[in-house]
Protein backbone atom coordinates (compact mmCIF):
# COMPACT_ATOMS: atom_id res chain seq x y z
CA MET A 1 189.00 149.46 132.68
CA GLY A 2 186.01 147.73 131.35
CA LYS A 3 185.67 144.30 129.50
CA ILE A 4 188.09 144.33 126.53
CA ALA A 5 187.92 142.75 123.35
CA TRP A 6 190.78 142.43 121.03
CA VAL A 7 190.60 142.07 117.36
CA THR A 8 193.64 141.16 115.08
CA ASP A 9 193.73 139.76 111.32
CA SER A 10 194.60 136.36 109.78
CA THR A 11 198.07 137.55 109.17
CA GLY A 12 199.14 137.25 112.88
CA PHE A 13 200.06 133.70 113.84
CA LEU A 14 198.10 132.80 117.27
CA ASP A 15 199.63 130.20 119.10
CA GLU A 16 197.60 127.74 121.56
CA GLU A 17 197.03 130.36 124.10
CA LEU A 18 195.75 133.09 122.19
CA SER A 19 193.95 130.91 119.51
CA ASN A 20 191.79 129.60 122.57
CA HIS A 21 191.58 133.06 124.30
CA GLU A 22 187.74 134.11 124.63
CA ASP A 23 188.21 137.64 124.03
CA ILE A 24 190.31 137.73 120.75
CA TYR A 25 188.58 138.14 117.56
CA VAL A 26 190.20 137.59 114.04
CA ILE A 27 189.18 139.11 110.79
CA PRO A 28 190.29 137.21 107.80
CA MET A 29 192.23 138.97 104.64
CA THR A 30 190.73 138.22 101.39
CA VAL A 31 192.38 135.54 98.57
CA PHE A 32 192.00 136.14 95.19
CA PHE A 33 192.53 132.71 93.19
CA ASP A 34 191.85 131.95 89.84
CA GLU A 35 188.33 134.22 89.98
CA GLU A 36 187.30 132.44 93.24
CA GLU A 37 187.24 134.32 96.62
CA TYR A 38 188.28 132.95 99.98
CA ARG A 39 189.02 133.79 103.60
CA ASP A 40 192.03 133.32 104.91
CA GLY A 41 192.27 130.40 107.26
CA VAL A 42 188.31 130.33 107.11
CA THR A 43 187.90 128.61 103.61
CA ILE A 44 191.38 128.10 102.46
CA THR A 45 194.56 126.60 104.63
CA PRO A 46 197.82 127.20 104.07
CA ALA A 47 198.54 123.72 102.57
CA GLN A 48 195.41 124.21 100.26
CA PHE A 49 196.53 127.43 99.05
CA PHE A 50 200.25 126.30 98.32
CA GLU A 51 198.90 122.63 96.28
CA ARG A 52 196.52 125.07 94.21
CA LEU A 53 199.05 127.66 93.44
CA LYS A 54 200.92 124.67 91.39
CA THR A 55 198.15 124.62 89.04
CA ALA A 56 196.97 127.97 89.40
CA LYS A 57 196.01 129.78 86.03
CA THR A 58 196.11 133.38 87.31
CA ASN A 59 198.16 135.09 89.96
CA PRO A 60 196.56 135.16 93.42
CA LYS A 61 195.90 138.14 95.39
CA THR A 62 195.36 139.52 98.62
CA SER A 63 192.92 142.32 99.75
CA GLN A 64 192.66 143.94 103.56
CA PRO A 65 189.30 143.50 105.14
CA SER A 66 186.65 146.02 104.07
CA ILE A 67 185.69 148.64 106.24
CA GLY A 68 182.41 146.85 106.18
CA SER A 69 183.27 143.80 107.93
CA PHE A 70 185.32 145.64 110.58
CA VAL A 71 182.00 147.60 111.35
CA GLU A 72 180.19 144.47 111.10
CA LEU A 73 182.77 142.81 113.87
CA TYR A 74 183.01 145.71 116.21
CA ASN A 75 179.01 146.42 116.07
CA SER A 76 179.00 142.45 117.26
CA LEU A 77 181.33 143.13 120.04
CA GLU A 78 178.94 145.92 121.66
CA GLY A 79 177.05 145.08 124.61
CA LYS A 80 179.53 142.37 125.37
CA TYR A 81 182.46 144.29 125.62
CA ASP A 82 183.10 148.28 127.06
CA GLU A 83 185.85 148.49 124.58
CA ILE A 84 187.93 147.35 121.84
CA ILE A 85 191.71 147.18 121.34
CA SER A 86 192.31 146.28 117.54
CA VAL A 87 196.11 144.96 116.66
CA HIS A 88 197.18 144.52 112.90
CA ILE A 89 199.32 144.22 110.38
CA SER A 90 202.13 147.07 109.71
CA GLU A 91 200.39 149.58 107.59
CA LYS A 92 202.85 150.15 105.34
CA LEU A 93 202.52 146.47 104.22
CA SER A 94 198.44 146.27 104.23
CA GLY A 95 195.53 148.85 103.90
CA THR A 96 194.10 147.01 106.89
CA VAL A 97 194.95 149.60 109.67
CA SER A 98 193.28 152.07 107.38
CA SER A 99 189.93 149.66 107.26
CA ALA A 100 190.00 149.59 110.77
CA ARG A 101 190.43 153.30 111.71
CA GLN A 102 187.81 154.12 109.07
CA ALA A 103 185.57 151.34 110.61
CA ALA A 104 186.04 152.91 114.23
CA GLU A 105 184.65 156.15 113.38
CA LEU A 106 181.48 154.25 112.67
CA VAL A 107 180.68 152.54 115.65
CA ASN A 108 179.58 153.74 118.93
CA ILE A 109 181.86 151.21 121.13
CA PRO A 110 185.37 152.83 121.74
CA VAL A 111 188.23 151.32 119.34
CA THR A 112 191.73 151.71 120.04
CA VAL A 113 193.55 150.75 116.70
CA ILE A 114 197.23 150.18 116.63
CA ASP A 115 199.67 149.46 113.96
CA SER A 116 202.03 146.84 114.62
CA LYS A 117 204.43 147.68 112.16
CA THR A 118 205.31 144.10 111.92
CA LEU A 119 203.26 140.47 111.26
CA THR A 120 202.55 137.06 111.80
CA TYR A 121 203.86 135.73 115.29
CA MET A 122 205.52 138.95 116.53
CA MET A 123 202.38 140.84 115.97
CA SER A 124 200.59 138.43 118.15
CA LYS A 125 203.39 138.59 120.80
CA LEU A 126 202.81 142.78 121.21
CA MET A 127 199.29 141.68 121.58
CA LYS A 128 200.25 139.44 124.41
CA GLU A 129 202.57 142.59 126.08
CA GLY A 130 199.40 144.73 125.41
CA MET A 131 197.32 142.42 127.74
CA LYS A 132 199.03 142.07 130.17
CA LEU A 133 199.60 146.06 130.70
CA ILE A 134 195.45 145.86 130.62
CA ARG A 135 195.87 143.08 133.58
CA ASP A 136 198.03 145.60 135.28
CA GLY A 137 195.01 148.32 135.50
CA LYS A 138 196.77 150.17 132.10
CA THR A 139 194.64 151.86 129.85
CA SER A 140 194.31 151.68 126.15
CA ALA A 141 196.27 154.77 125.34
CA GLU A 142 198.93 153.12 127.52
CA VAL A 143 198.69 149.81 125.51
CA LYS A 144 198.94 151.51 122.47
CA ASN A 145 202.28 153.58 123.47
CA HIS A 146 204.16 150.31 125.09
CA ILE A 147 203.36 148.43 121.60
CA ALA A 148 204.97 151.49 119.58
CA ASP A 149 207.86 151.22 122.00
CA LEU A 150 208.26 147.63 121.67
CA ALA A 151 207.94 147.55 117.75
CA GLU A 152 210.94 149.61 117.98
CA ARG A 153 212.90 146.79 119.24
CA LEU A 154 211.74 143.82 117.00
CA GLU A 155 214.10 142.61 114.31
CA THR A 156 213.11 140.58 111.43
CA TYR A 157 215.22 139.15 108.74
CA VAL A 158 213.84 136.59 106.10
CA ILE A 159 215.20 135.07 102.80
CA ILE A 160 212.04 135.12 100.34
CA GLY A 161 211.11 131.61 99.09
CA SER A 162 210.04 132.25 95.06
CA LEU A 163 211.17 135.61 94.08
CA GLU A 164 209.15 134.40 90.90
CA GLN A 165 206.24 134.43 93.59
CA LEU A 166 207.21 137.59 94.75
CA HIS A 167 207.35 139.01 91.07
CA ARG A 168 203.64 137.53 90.46
CA SER A 169 202.48 139.25 93.35
CA GLY A 170 203.47 142.76 92.24
CA ARG A 171 206.08 143.13 94.95
CA MET A 172 209.15 142.85 92.62
CA ASN A 173 209.46 144.53 89.79
CA THR A 174 210.73 142.40 86.29
CA ALA A 175 214.22 144.03 86.17
CA GLN A 176 214.74 142.93 89.81
CA TYR A 177 213.35 139.66 89.05
CA TYR A 178 215.16 138.89 85.82
CA LEU A 179 218.60 140.11 87.43
CA GLY A 180 217.91 138.26 90.77
CA SER A 181 217.02 134.78 89.04
CA MET A 182 220.07 135.01 86.36
CA LEU A 183 222.68 135.71 88.91
CA GLN A 184 220.79 133.31 91.73
CA ILE A 185 220.62 136.14 94.17
CA LYS A 186 218.91 135.53 97.40
CA PRO A 187 218.29 138.81 98.89
CA VAL A 188 217.81 139.00 102.79
CA ILE A 189 215.04 141.07 103.35
CA GLN A 190 214.04 142.97 106.52
CA ILE A 191 211.65 144.76 108.19
CA ASN A 192 212.31 148.26 109.18
CA ASP A 193 209.94 150.76 110.27
CA GLY A 194 206.96 148.42 109.43
CA ALA A 195 208.60 148.10 105.85
CA LEU A 196 210.37 145.85 103.62
CA SER A 197 213.97 146.24 102.62
CA VAL A 198 216.63 144.79 101.04
CA LYS A 199 219.22 144.18 103.80
CA GLU A 200 222.09 142.11 101.88
CA LYS A 201 222.28 140.58 98.54
CA VAL A 202 223.95 137.25 98.34
CA ARG A 203 224.74 134.55 95.80
CA SER A 204 222.97 131.70 97.64
CA GLU A 205 220.71 130.32 100.39
CA ASN A 206 223.15 129.46 102.68
CA LYS A 207 225.20 132.41 102.53
CA ALA A 208 222.02 134.16 103.28
CA THR A 209 221.17 131.86 106.08
CA SER A 210 224.94 132.59 107.40
CA LYS A 211 224.08 136.19 107.43
CA ILE A 212 221.03 136.41 108.86
CA LEU A 213 222.19 134.01 111.67
CA GLY A 214 225.06 136.66 112.41
CA TYR A 215 222.77 139.14 113.05
CA LEU A 216 221.08 137.29 115.88
CA GLU A 217 224.62 136.44 117.29
CA ASP A 218 225.38 139.84 117.48
CA ALA A 219 222.22 141.03 118.94
CA LEU A 220 222.50 138.30 121.83
CA ALA A 221 226.00 139.17 122.31
CA ASN A 222 224.36 143.37 122.76
CA ASN A 223 221.07 142.93 124.21
CA GLN A 224 218.76 140.85 126.36
CA ILE A 225 216.92 138.59 124.48
CA GLU A 226 214.30 135.94 125.59
CA GLU A 227 212.72 134.40 122.73
CA VAL A 228 213.35 133.77 119.14
CA TYR A 229 210.93 132.78 116.39
CA ILE A 230 211.92 131.11 113.19
CA LEU A 231 209.04 132.03 110.54
CA TYR A 232 208.69 129.43 107.49
CA GLY A 233 206.02 129.47 104.73
CA LEU A 234 204.91 125.93 104.45
CA ASP A 235 207.67 124.02 104.62
CA ASP A 236 208.87 123.48 108.19
CA SER A 237 211.58 121.08 107.58
CA LYS A 238 214.33 124.11 107.61
CA THR A 239 213.33 125.09 111.15
CA LYS A 240 214.95 122.33 112.97
CA GLU A 241 217.97 122.55 111.11
CA TRP A 242 218.00 126.62 111.85
CA GLU A 243 217.30 125.81 115.68
CA LYS A 244 220.10 123.82 115.90
CA LYS A 245 222.56 126.56 114.19
CA ILE A 246 220.97 128.80 116.71
CA ARG A 247 221.56 126.50 119.71
CA GLU A 248 225.24 126.42 118.55
CA PHE A 249 225.42 130.18 119.85
CA ALA A 250 222.37 131.13 121.98
CA PRO A 251 222.37 129.87 125.56
CA GLU A 252 219.54 127.25 126.62
CA THR A 253 217.79 129.78 128.64
CA ILE A 254 216.50 131.38 125.25
CA SER A 255 212.83 130.00 123.79
CA ILE A 256 212.66 128.97 119.80
CA LYS A 257 209.61 128.87 118.37
CA ALA A 258 208.29 128.11 115.02
CA CYS A 259 205.64 130.21 113.58
CA PRO A 260 203.86 130.08 110.10
CA LEU A 261 203.58 132.96 107.91
CA GLY A 262 200.18 131.53 106.50
CA VAL A 263 198.20 132.16 103.55
CA ALA A 264 197.95 136.10 103.01
CA ILE A 265 202.28 136.48 103.45
CA GLY A 266 202.62 133.01 101.44
CA VAL A 267 200.72 134.75 98.37
CA HIS A 268 203.75 137.49 98.20
CA ALA A 269 206.55 135.14 99.24
CA GLY A 270 206.37 131.50 98.90
CA GLU A 271 206.23 128.60 100.44
CA ASN A 272 209.90 127.93 100.99
CA THR A 273 210.43 131.09 102.78
CA ILE A 274 212.25 131.30 105.81
CA GLY A 275 213.28 133.60 108.51
CA ILE A 276 213.80 134.76 111.88
CA SER A 277 212.64 137.39 114.28
CA TRP A 278 213.61 138.62 117.98
CA MET A 279 212.58 141.49 120.41
CA SER A 280 215.32 143.06 122.74
CA LYS A 281 214.55 144.06 126.03
């Protein structure tokens, strides 16, 4: 294998190891806010986004990176690298994978585009696993197949922080929004085969939290799990509480990481969103 560049998008949370990696390149999502355009993680941070959201006159929107921006990035890597592996947010949640695939057809450097079927840190986790294979001498095709297999072992459950924000972003219809608001329903959202689906509907956040932690406890009893990822919008104050509850039934050998969802996800879910994800070995 020659030298490989890794490309991902700004919906993925990069930890210290990945953010300082010289061969990783991040292409930002576009956020439209009050007729202004921002580049996720470049010209607007999550804190700035949620602060502006309080006084916004229009609903913020997101857009996947353009084909042209992918072509520009891929072309800039030609000569420095022999090949590119491009890992992105689930194509059922964004058109980013489609843009990357079309761009790959327009450049000379070989590009392998991978649909992670997930988002945030789980996407980065899959990329880390792919990097291990490359270090072991595997091909990009083998990496793609392995990541597809690992994606099937991921479980992700989320409590949406703001039904209003989900409705305003177009991810929930008006009838569902008003019914949920009137009944104080907290839907437990699951990522299933790369798409969002409602796992259960409960009447309070405490009940929703108990449900999600119950899923994890059952998974720990039946599978080998090494890491648990707590996902949050902007307010990370609940992550310590969740970690404490998880420690009541999880072995000390299990690592628990708190990972922010970022601006692009916050547009749809709200700053108080919280959830967890894990991968079964």
